Amino acid sequence: MTTETPRWFTSSYSDNGGQCVEVATNLAAPHGVVPVRDSKNVSGAALSLRTDAFTTFVAGIKSGDMEHP
């Protein structure tokens, strides 16, 4: 990832009993990545998504394109 420390947060919309992910958007501009991790396992692995992939993912969620059938 990077030597800069990620500043993790969950969405203000996350109130689903702990089934959330955390993101560290502070690394998007300087490093081009958005780390994502499981909020229940903060010492576990984190995925580093390219900013364009993360933006596309969030846009898909907001538009409803990723709802369950």
Protein backbone atom coordinates (compact mmCIF):
# COMPACT_ATOMS: atom_id res chain seq x y z
CA MET A 1 0.00 0.00 0.00
CA THR A 2 1.87 3.07 1.25
CA THR A 3 3.74 4.38 4.27
CA GLU A 4 1.10 7.08 4.84
CA THR A 5 -1.41 6.08 7.52
CA PRO A 6 -4.94 5.41 6.29
CA ARG A 7 -7.69 7.34 8.10
CA TRP A 8 -10.46 4.73 8.26
CA PHE A 9 -14.17 5.54 8.44
CA THR A 10 -17.54 3.95 7.79
CA SER A 11 -20.42 5.61 6.01
CA SER A 12 -22.84 7.64 8.09
CA TYR A 13 -25.52 5.42 6.48
CA SER A 14 -23.98 2.29 8.04
CA ASP A 15 -26.31 1.17 10.79
CA ASN A 16 -26.82 -2.45 9.88
CA GLY A 17 -25.53 -4.32 12.90
CA GLY A 18 -21.85 -4.25 12.06
CA GLN A 19 -21.94 -5.66 8.54
CA CYS A 20 -19.91 -2.78 7.11
CA VAL A 21 -16.73 -1.94 5.32
CA GLU A 22 -14.36 0.87 6.19
CA VAL A 23 -12.57 3.02 3.63
CA ALA A 24 -9.60 5.38 3.79
CA THR A 25 -10.22 8.03 1.15
CA ASN A 26 -7.32 10.18 2.37
CA LEU A 27 -5.02 8.11 0.14
CA ALA A 28 -7.04 8.68 -3.06
CA ALA A 29 -5.48 11.94 -4.23
CA PRO A 30 -1.84 11.41 -3.22
CA HIS A 31 -1.60 7.69 -4.12
CA GLY A 32 -4.49 6.86 -6.46
CA VAL A 33 -5.92 4.14 -4.21
CA VAL A 34 -8.80 3.72 -1.78
CA PRO A 35 -8.11 1.02 0.80
CA VAL A 36 -11.17 -0.98 1.91
CA ARG A 37 -11.39 -3.37 4.89
CA ASP A 38 -13.92 -5.34 6.93
CA SER A 39 -15.06 -3.29 9.92
CA LYS A 40 -15.31 -6.46 12.03
CA ASN A 41 -11.68 -7.45 11.34
CA VAL A 42 -9.67 -4.23 11.39
CA SER A 43 -6.38 -6.08 11.78
CA GLY A 44 -7.12 -8.23 8.73
CA ALA A 45 -6.26 -7.61 5.12
CA ALA A 46 -7.27 -4.47 3.27
CA LEU A 47 -7.96 -4.24 -0.44
CA SER A 48 -6.38 -1.30 -2.26
CA LEU A 49 -8.75 -0.29 -5.05
CA ARG A 50 -7.74 2.13 -7.78
CA THR A 51 -9.69 5.37 -7.40
CA ASP A 52 -11.48 4.89 -10.73
CA ALA A 53 -12.61 1.38 -9.73
CA PHE A 54 -13.84 2.63 -6.35
CA THR A 55 -15.70 5.53 -7.97
CA THR A 56 -17.38 3.17 -10.44
CA PHE A 57 -18.35 0.80 -7.61
CA VAL A 58 -19.90 3.60 -5.51
CA ALA A 59 -21.77 4.98 -8.54
CA GLY A 60 -23.19 1.50 -9.21
CA ILE A 61 -24.39 1.19 -5.62
CA LYS A 62 -26.02 4.63 -5.68
CA SER A 63 -27.78 3.97 -8.99
CA GLY A 64 -29.16 0.62 -7.83
CA ASP A 65 -27.23 -1.35 -10.44
CA MET A 66 -25.88 -3.69 -7.77
CA GLU A 67 -29.08 -4.65 -6.00
CA HIS A 68 -29.90 -8.30 -5.45
CA PRO A 69 -32.28 -9.77 -8.03
